[in-house]
Amino acid sequence: MTLILNGTDNSATTPAVTGTDTDTGVYYPAANQVAIATSGTQAMLANASQGVQFANAIGVGATTPTTSGVGITFPATQSASTNVNTLDDYEEGTWTPSAGSESGVLTATYGVRTGKYVKIGRWVWCGFDIQLASRTVTGSLAFLYGLPFAVANNGDLSGGVGSVGITFNIGSNFYQIGMYPQNAASYCYLTGTTSNTSGLAAMAQAFWGSTTRLNGGFYYTAID
């Protein structure tokens, strides 16, 4: 390919260095800056601080995006990396929490039932608000179902934890309420204690009263 060196130093439409395509190449928009143009439009800019800006998209280093509402896009299905220094996923979305027990999701109706999450790499942060309007009792322990991603099999309890901010009309009285996502599953155990001296233990299914409301959040590591 022939390189042409007679373009305009600071023009994206006629770059200083091109091939036979005269509106695609390298140019110098200002002192200590070098840019690449495609189809007569700036595609990438490197500045004096070694920051790199991709046109109408993201700024890396000492640059800022030129257009709001854009950024780095990850594929809808994660392409997992084994490199611990590689960010391979980001996602925001909603999920549907469900009251349940070790027997499964309760047959229930809901007055409130919302959940939101952010996933960065393997880590998932979830918030939820759930209130029963009616339910059929099954099982003996209280679970929260519907996690947006399956929990990794961490081999211990280091993979996630959560807390409850608001409760109404619960089936039993508790001094403290917590929760932890179960390894290799898609639900959380609800845990509680009735005093400031006893330890947290799995909560009885009776916690899910007929109009119980539960608001809280948790985080956990997901399966790659």
C-alpha atoms as a PDB file:
ATOM      1  CA  MET A   1       0.000   0.000   0.000  1.00  0.00           C
ATOM      2  CA  THR A   2       1.255   3.493  -0.820  1.00  0.00           C
ATOM      3  CA  LEU A   3       1.463   6.013   2.049  1.00  0.00           C
ATOM      4  CA  ILE A   4       0.556   9.573   1.123  1.00  0.00           C
ATOM      5  CA  LEU A   5       2.147  12.347   3.170  1.00  0.00           C
ATOM      6  CA  ASN A   6       0.584  15.405   1.612  1.00  0.00           C
ATOM      7  CA  GLY A   7      -2.650  15.663   3.579  1.00  0.00           C
ATOM      8  CA  THR A   8      -3.561  18.390   6.080  1.00  0.00           C
ATOM      9  CA  ASP A   9      -1.799  18.234   9.451  1.00  0.00           C
ATOM     10  CA  ASN A  10      -4.876  18.958  11.604  1.00  0.00           C
ATOM     11  CA  SER A  11      -7.765  17.728   9.458  1.00  0.00           C
ATOM     12  CA  ALA A  12      -9.824  14.569   9.933  1.00  0.00           C
ATOM     13  CA  THR A  13     -11.278  14.912   6.457  1.00  0.00           C
ATOM     14  CA  THR A  14      -7.833  15.074   4.782  1.00  0.00           C
ATOM     15  CA  PRO A  15      -5.408  13.408   7.253  1.00  0.00           C
ATOM     16  CA  ALA A  16      -1.689  14.078   6.979  1.00  0.00           C
ATOM     17  CA  VAL A  17      -0.838  10.381   6.446  1.00  0.00           C
ATOM     18  CA  THR A  18      -3.193   8.214   4.400  1.00  0.00           C
ATOM     19  CA  GLY A  19      -3.288   5.332   1.997  1.00  0.00           C
ATOM     20  CA  THR A  20      -5.208   5.588  -1.235  1.00  0.00           C
ATOM     21  CA  ASP A  21      -8.343   6.297   0.830  1.00  0.00           C
ATOM     22  CA  THR A  22      -7.748  10.004   1.385  1.00  0.00           C
ATOM     23  CA  ASP A  23     -10.217  10.546   4.258  1.00  0.00           C
ATOM     24  CA  THR A  24      -8.823   7.738   6.447  1.00  0.00           C
ATOM     25  CA  GLY A  25      -5.459   7.989   8.188  1.00  0.00           C
ATOM     26  CA  VAL A  26      -3.332   9.772  10.811  1.00  0.00           C
ATOM     27  CA  TYR A  27      -3.412  13.504  11.577  1.00  0.00           C
ATOM     28  CA  TYR A  28      -2.348  15.947  14.312  1.00  0.00           C
ATOM     29  CA  PRO A  29      -5.277  18.053  15.585  1.00  0.00           C
ATOM     30  CA  ALA A  30      -3.199  20.133  18.049  1.00  0.00           C
ATOM     31  CA  ALA A  31       0.212  20.284  19.695  1.00  0.00           C
ATOM     32  CA  ASN A  32       1.165  17.006  21.399  1.00  0.00           C
ATOM     33  CA  GLN A  33      -1.848  15.189  19.979  1.00  0.00           C
ATOM     34  CA  VAL A  34      -2.135  12.456  17.391  1.00  0.00           C
ATOM     35  CA  ALA A  35      -5.405  11.144  15.981  1.00  0.00           C
ATOM     36  CA  ILE A  36      -6.772   8.516  13.623  1.00  0.00           C
ATOM     37  CA  ALA A  37      -9.617   9.346  11.258  1.00  0.00           C
ATOM     38  CA  THR A  38     -11.936   6.981   9.391  1.00  0.00           C
ATOM     39  CA  SER A  39     -14.313   8.216   6.710  1.00  0.00           C
ATOM     40  CA  GLY A  40     -13.301  11.780   7.484  1.00  0.00           C
ATOM     41  CA  THR A  41     -14.224  11.554  11.189  1.00  0.00           C
ATOM     42  CA  GLN A  42     -11.980  11.283  14.245  1.00  0.00           C
ATOM     43  CA  ALA A  43     -11.990   7.700  15.503  1.00  0.00           C
ATOM     44  CA  MET A  44      -9.263   7.907  18.176  1.00  0.00           C
ATOM     45  CA  LEU A  45      -7.216  10.636  19.860  1.00  0.00           C
ATOM     46  CA  ALA A  46      -4.099  10.357  22.053  1.00  0.00           C
ATOM     47  CA  ASN A  47      -3.146  13.450  24.059  1.00  0.00           C
ATOM     48  CA  ALA A  48      -0.070  14.789  25.858  1.00  0.00           C
ATOM     49  CA  SER A  49      -1.032  12.953  29.077  1.00  0.00           C
ATOM     50  CA  GLN A  50      -1.084   9.628  27.218  1.00  0.00           C
ATOM     51  CA  GLY A  51      -4.823   9.455  27.594  1.00  0.00           C
ATOM     52  CA  VAL A  52      -6.722   7.832  24.743  1.00  0.00           C
ATOM     53  CA  GLN A  53     -10.208   8.822  23.668  1.00  0.00           C
ATOM     54  CA  PHE A  54     -12.308   6.776  21.262  1.00  0.00           C
ATOM     55  CA  ALA A  55     -14.683   8.930  19.274  1.00  0.00           C
ATOM     56  CA  ASN A  56     -18.148   9.337  20.827  1.00  0.00           C
ATOM     57  CA  ALA A  57     -17.418   6.516  23.230  1.00  0.00           C
ATOM     58  CA  ILE A  58     -15.027   6.148  26.161  1.00  0.00           C
ATOM     59  CA  GLY A  59     -12.110   8.035  27.622  1.00  0.00           C
ATOM     60  CA  VAL A  60      -9.124   6.063  28.920  1.00  0.00           C
ATOM     61  CA  GLY A  61      -6.559   7.808  31.119  1.00  0.00           C
ATOM     62  CA  ALA A  62      -6.612  11.614  31.191  1.00  0.00           C
ATOM     63  CA  THR A  63      -9.508  12.051  28.758  1.00  0.00           C
ATOM     64  CA  THR A  64     -13.288  12.234  28.927  1.00  0.00           C
ATOM     65  CA  PRO A  65     -15.933  10.945  26.492  1.00  0.00           C
ATOM     66  CA  THR A  66     -17.155  13.446  23.916  1.00  0.00           C
ATOM     67  CA  THR A  67     -20.732  12.170  24.082  1.00  0.00           C
ATOM     68  CA  SER A  68     -22.819  11.277  27.143  1.00  0.00           C
ATOM     69  CA  GLY A  69     -24.697   8.012  27.490  1.00  0.00           C
ATOM     70  CA  VAL A  70     -22.024   5.822  25.950  1.00  0.00           C
ATOM     71  CA  GLY A  71     -19.282   3.640  27.351  1.00  0.00           C
ATOM     72  CA  ILE A  72     -17.730   0.192  27.318  1.00  0.00           C
ATOM     73  CA  THR A  73     -20.075  -2.521  26.070  1.00  0.00           C
ATOM     74  CA  PHE A  74     -19.791  -6.135  27.198  1.00  0.00           C
ATOM     75  CA  PRO A  75     -21.479  -9.031  25.358  1.00  0.00           C
ATOM     76  CA  ALA A  76     -24.930 -10.092  26.527  1.00  0.00           C
ATOM     77  CA  THR A  77     -23.470 -13.510  27.375  1.00  0.00           C
ATOM     78  CA  GLN A  78     -20.301 -13.259  29.466  1.00  0.00           C
ATOM     79  CA  SER A  79     -17.068 -14.372  27.815  1.00  0.00           C
ATOM     80  CA  ALA A  80     -15.322 -15.458  31.009  1.00  0.00           C
ATOM     81  CA  SER A  81     -11.575 -14.914  31.407  1.00  0.00           C
ATOM     82  CA  THR A  82      -9.212 -16.901  33.620  1.00  0.00           C
ATOM     83  CA  ASN A  83      -6.926 -13.862  33.911  1.00  0.00           C
ATOM     84  CA  VAL A  84      -7.472 -12.311  37.355  1.00  0.00           C
ATOM     85  CA  ASN A  85      -6.557  -8.875  35.948  1.00  0.00           C
ATOM     86  CA  THR A  86      -9.207  -8.946  33.210  1.00  0.00           C
ATOM     87  CA  LEU A  87     -12.650  -7.379  33.717  1.00  0.00           C
ATOM     88  CA  ASP A  88     -14.847  -9.622  31.586  1.00  0.00           C
ATOM     89  CA  ASP A  89     -18.406  -8.631  32.497  1.00  0.00           C
ATOM     90  CA  TYR A  90     -20.627  -5.723  33.558  1.00  0.00           C
ATOM     91  CA  GLU A  91     -24.409  -5.804  33.705  1.00  0.00           C
ATOM     92  CA  GLU A  92     -27.304  -3.937  35.336  1.00  0.00           C
ATOM     93  CA  GLY A  93     -30.817  -5.313  35.562  1.00  0.00           C
ATOM     94  CA  THR A  94     -33.824  -6.410  37.577  1.00  0.00           C
ATOM     95  CA  TRP A  95     -34.720  -9.682  39.254  1.00  0.00           C
ATOM     96  CA  THR A  96     -37.828 -11.112  40.869  1.00  0.00           C
ATOM     97  CA  PRO A  97     -37.487 -12.130  44.532  1.00  0.00           C
ATOM     98  CA  SER A  98     -39.676 -14.951  45.848  1.00  0.00           C
ATOM     99  CA  ALA A  99     -40.477 -16.150  49.354  1.00  0.00           C
ATOM    100  CA  GLY A 100     -39.684 -19.791  49.903  1.00  0.00           C
ATOM    101  CA  SER A 101     -38.313 -22.603  52.006  1.00  0.00           C
ATOM    102  CA  GLU A 102     -36.137 -25.676  51.500  1.00  0.00           C
ATOM    103  CA  SER A 103     -39.200 -27.181  49.796  1.00  0.00           C
ATOM    104  CA  GLY A 104     -39.040 -24.502  47.072  1.00  0.00           C
ATOM    105  CA  VAL A 105     -40.823 -21.263  46.189  1.00  0.00           C
ATOM    106  CA  LEU A 106     -44.030 -20.713  48.161  1.00  0.00           C
ATOM    107  CA  THR A 107     -47.369 -20.507  46.425  1.00  0.00           C
ATOM    108  CA  ALA A 108     -48.019 -16.846  47.137  1.00  0.00           C
ATOM    109  CA  THR A 109     -49.342 -13.493  45.968  1.00  0.00           C
ATOM    110  CA  TYR A 110     -47.433 -10.248  46.472  1.00  0.00           C
ATOM    111  CA  GLY A 111     -48.208  -6.628  47.180  1.00  0.00           C
ATOM    112  CA  VAL A 112     -44.590  -5.572  46.513  1.00  0.00           C
ATOM    113  CA  ARG A 113     -42.025  -7.585  44.560  1.00  0.00           C
ATOM    114  CA  THR A 114     -39.038  -5.791  43.056  1.00  0.00           C
ATOM    115  CA  GLY A 115     -35.311  -6.402  42.780  1.00  0.00           C
ATOM    116  CA  LYS A 116     -32.334  -4.693  41.120  1.00  0.00           C
ATOM    117  CA  TYR A 117     -28.754  -5.840  40.594  1.00  0.00           C
ATOM    118  CA  VAL A 118     -25.342  -4.797  39.300  1.00  0.00           C
ATOM    119  CA  LYS A 119     -22.823  -7.431  38.207  1.00  0.00           C
ATOM    120  CA  ILE A 120     -19.128  -6.561  37.851  1.00  0.00           C
ATOM    121  CA  GLY A 121     -17.010  -9.520  36.851  1.00  0.00           C
ATOM    122  CA  ARG A 122     -18.027 -12.365  39.173  1.00  0.00           C
ATOM    123  CA  TRP A 123     -19.401 -10.086  41.915  1.00  0.00           C
ATOM    124  CA  VAL A 124     -23.135  -9.413  42.082  1.00  0.00           C
ATOM    125  CA  TRP A 125     -24.805  -6.722  44.241  1.00  0.00           C
ATOM    126  CA  CYS A 126     -28.564  -7.139  44.752  1.00  0.00           C
ATOM    127  CA  GLY A 127     -31.266  -5.021  46.365  1.00  0.00           C
ATOM    128  CA  PHE A 128     -34.862  -6.127  46.901  1.00  0.00           C
ATOM    129  CA  ASP A 129     -38.246  -5.215  48.351  1.00  0.00           C
ATOM    130  CA  ILE A 130     -40.846  -7.935  48.832  1.00  0.00           C
ATOM    131  CA  GLN A 131     -44.214  -8.040  50.605  1.00  0.00           C
ATOM    132  CA  LEU A 132     -46.594 -10.970  50.709  1.00  0.00           C
ATOM    133  CA  ALA A 133     -50.333 -10.610  50.257  1.00  0.00           C
ATOM    134  CA  SER A 134     -50.994 -14.311  50.867  1.00  0.00           C
ATOM    135  CA  ARG A 135     -49.004 -17.544  50.984  1.00  0.00           C
ATOM    136  CA  THR A 136     -49.287 -21.295  51.485  1.00  0.00           C
ATOM    137  CA  VAL A 137     -46.916 -22.605  54.157  1.00  0.00           C
ATOM    138  CA  THR A 138     -44.484 -25.370  53.179  1.00  0.00           C
ATOM    139  CA  GLY A 139     -41.126 -26.515  54.570  1.00  0.00           C
ATOM    140  CA  SER A 140     -39.423 -25.513  57.810  1.00  0.00           C
ATOM    141  CA  LEU A 141     -36.772 -22.869  56.929  1.00  0.00           C
ATOM    142  CA  ALA A 142     -37.089 -19.396  55.372  1.00  0.00           C
ATOM    143  CA  PHE A 143     -35.371 -18.851  52.001  1.00  0.00           C
ATOM    144  CA  LEU A 144     -35.323 -15.992  49.482  1.00  0.00           C
ATOM    145  CA  TYR A 145     -35.370 -17.253  45.894  1.00  0.00           C
ATOM    146  CA  GLY A 146     -34.832 -15.723  42.457  1.00  0.00           C
ATOM    147  CA  LEU A 147     -31.181 -14.585  42.478  1.00  0.00           C
ATOM    148  CA  PRO A 148     -30.265 -13.228  39.038  1.00  0.00           C
ATOM    149  CA  PHE A 149     -27.167 -15.461  38.746  1.00  0.00           C
ATOM    150  CA  ALA A 150     -26.288 -18.784  40.342  1.00  0.00           C
ATOM    151  CA  VAL A 151     -23.947 -18.562  43.341  1.00  0.00           C
ATOM    152  CA  ALA A 152     -20.423 -19.940  42.899  1.00  0.00           C
ATOM    153  CA  ASN A 153     -19.423 -23.002  44.899  1.00  0.00           C
ATOM    154  CA  ASN A 154     -16.985 -21.210  47.199  1.00  0.00           C
ATOM    155  CA  GLY A 155     -16.510 -24.084  49.638  1.00  0.00           C
ATOM    156  CA  ASP A 156     -17.149 -21.790  52.618  1.00  0.00           C
ATOM    157  CA  LEU A 157     -19.187 -18.706  53.553  1.00  0.00           C
ATOM    158  CA  SER A 158     -16.739 -16.157  52.096  1.00  0.00           C
ATOM    159  CA  GLY A 159     -18.625 -15.832  48.817  1.00  0.00           C
ATOM    160  CA  GLY A 160     -21.410 -13.529  49.958  1.00  0.00           C
ATOM    161  CA  VAL A 161     -23.452 -11.970  52.750  1.00  0.00           C
ATOM    162  CA  GLY A 162     -26.432  -9.667  53.168  1.00  0.00           C
ATOM    163  CA  SER A 163     -28.548  -7.680  55.590  1.00  0.00           C
ATOM    164  CA  VAL A 164     -32.143  -6.614  56.045  1.00  0.00           C
ATOM    165  CA  GLY A 165     -33.039  -2.960  56.378  1.00  0.00           C
ATOM    166  CA  ILE A 166     -36.825  -2.990  56.880  1.00  0.00           C
ATOM    167  CA  THR A 167     -39.323  -5.608  58.027  1.00  0.00           C
ATOM    168  CA  PHE A 168     -43.078  -5.489  58.660  1.00  0.00           C
ATOM    169  CA  ASN A 169     -45.534  -8.097  59.904  1.00  0.00           C
ATOM    170  CA  ILE A 170     -43.012 -10.904  60.165  1.00  0.00           C
ATOM    171  CA  GLY A 171     -44.128 -14.192  61.641  1.00  0.00           C
ATOM    172  CA  SER A 172     -41.700 -14.063  64.598  1.00  0.00           C
ATOM    173  CA  ASN A 173     -39.756 -11.464  66.584  1.00  0.00           C
ATOM    174  CA  PHE A 174     -36.011 -11.158  65.944  1.00  0.00           C
ATOM    175  CA  TYR A 175     -33.230  -9.051  67.404  1.00  0.00           C
ATOM    176  CA  GLN A 176     -31.129  -9.241  64.262  1.00  0.00           C
ATOM    177  CA  ILE A 177     -31.797 -10.515  60.738  1.00  0.00           C
ATOM    178  CA  GLY A 178     -29.191 -11.415  58.145  1.00  0.00           C
ATOM    179  CA  MET A 179     -28.892 -13.528  55.033  1.00  0.00           C
ATOM    180  CA  TYR A 180     -26.326 -15.414  53.037  1.00  0.00           C
ATOM    181  CA  PRO A 181     -26.407 -16.762  49.476  1.00  0.00           C
ATOM    182  CA  GLN A 182     -26.139 -20.531  49.350  1.00  0.00           C
ATOM    183  CA  ASN A 183     -23.165 -22.005  47.458  1.00  0.00           C
ATOM    184  CA  ALA A 184     -24.001 -23.534  44.054  1.00  0.00           C
ATOM    185  CA  ALA A 185     -27.643 -22.401  44.302  1.00  0.00           C
ATOM    186  CA  SER A 186     -29.905 -19.461  43.396  1.00  0.00           C
ATOM    187  CA  TYR A 187     -31.353 -18.613  46.801  1.00  0.00           C
ATOM    188  CA  CYS A 188     -30.417 -17.063  50.142  1.00  0.00           C
ATOM    189  CA  TYR A 189     -30.869 -18.428  53.630  1.00  0.00           C
ATOM    190  CA  LEU A 190     -32.531 -15.975  55.993  1.00  0.00           C
ATOM    191  CA  THR A 191     -30.858 -15.968  59.399  1.00  0.00           C
ATOM    192  CA  GLY A 192     -31.824 -14.408  62.707  1.00  0.00           C
ATOM    193  CA  THR A 193     -31.265 -14.188  66.421  1.00  0.00           C
ATOM    194  CA  THR A 194     -33.700 -13.315  69.194  1.00  0.00           C
ATOM    195  CA  SER A 195     -31.132 -11.661  71.521  1.00  0.00           C
ATOM    196  CA  ASN A 196     -27.852  -9.768  71.482  1.00  0.00           C
ATOM    197  CA  THR A 197     -25.986 -12.755  72.915  1.00  0.00           C
ATOM    198  CA  SER A 198     -27.156 -15.638  70.731  1.00  0.00           C
ATOM    199  CA  GLY A 199     -25.665 -16.406  67.332  1.00  0.00           C
ATOM    200  CA  LEU A 200     -27.390 -16.126  63.985  1.00  0.00           C
ATOM    201  CA  ALA A 201     -29.142 -19.303  62.910  1.00  0.00           C
ATOM    202  CA  ALA A 202     -31.286 -20.372  59.983  1.00  0.00           C
ATOM    203  CA  MET A 203     -34.681 -18.734  60.326  1.00  0.00           C
ATOM    204  CA  ALA A 204     -37.842 -20.819  60.601  1.00  0.00           C
ATOM    205  CA  GLN A 205     -40.268 -20.695  57.696  1.00  0.00           C
ATOM    206  CA  ALA A 206     -42.787 -19.083  60.059  1.00  0.00           C
ATOM    207  CA  PHE A 207     -40.902 -15.831  59.362  1.00  0.00           C
ATOM    208  CA  TRP A 208     -42.931 -15.617  56.173  1.00  0.00           C
ATOM    209  CA  GLY A 209     -46.177 -14.396  57.726  1.00  0.00           C
ATOM    210  CA  SER A 210     -49.161 -13.878  55.461  1.00  0.00           C
ATOM    211  CA  THR A 211     -48.267 -10.168  54.883  1.00  0.00           C
ATOM    212  CA  THR A 212     -44.545 -10.076  55.711  1.00  0.00           C
ATOM    213  CA  ARG A 213     -42.519  -7.284  54.091  1.00  0.00           C
ATOM    214  CA  LEU A 214     -38.758  -7.556  53.730  1.00  0.00           C
ATOM    215  CA  ASN A 215     -36.358  -4.982  52.284  1.00  0.00           C
ATOM    216  CA  GLY A 216     -32.597  -5.464  52.095  1.00  0.00           C
ATOM    217  CA  GLY A 217     -29.554  -6.225  50.019  1.00  0.00           C
ATOM    218  CA  PHE A 218     -26.704  -8.679  49.614  1.00  0.00           C
ATOM    219  CA  TYR A 219     -23.694  -9.456  47.469  1.00  0.00           C
ATOM    220  CA  TYR A 220     -22.120 -12.696  46.305  1.00  0.00           C
ATOM    221  CA  THR A 221     -19.777 -14.290  43.796  1.00  0.00           C
ATOM    222  CA  ALA A 222     -21.442 -15.816  40.756  1.00  0.00           C
ATOM    223  CA  ILE A 223     -20.444 -18.800  38.675  1.00  0.00           C
ATOM    224  CA  ASP A 224     -18.260 -17.768  35.719  1.00  0.00           C
END
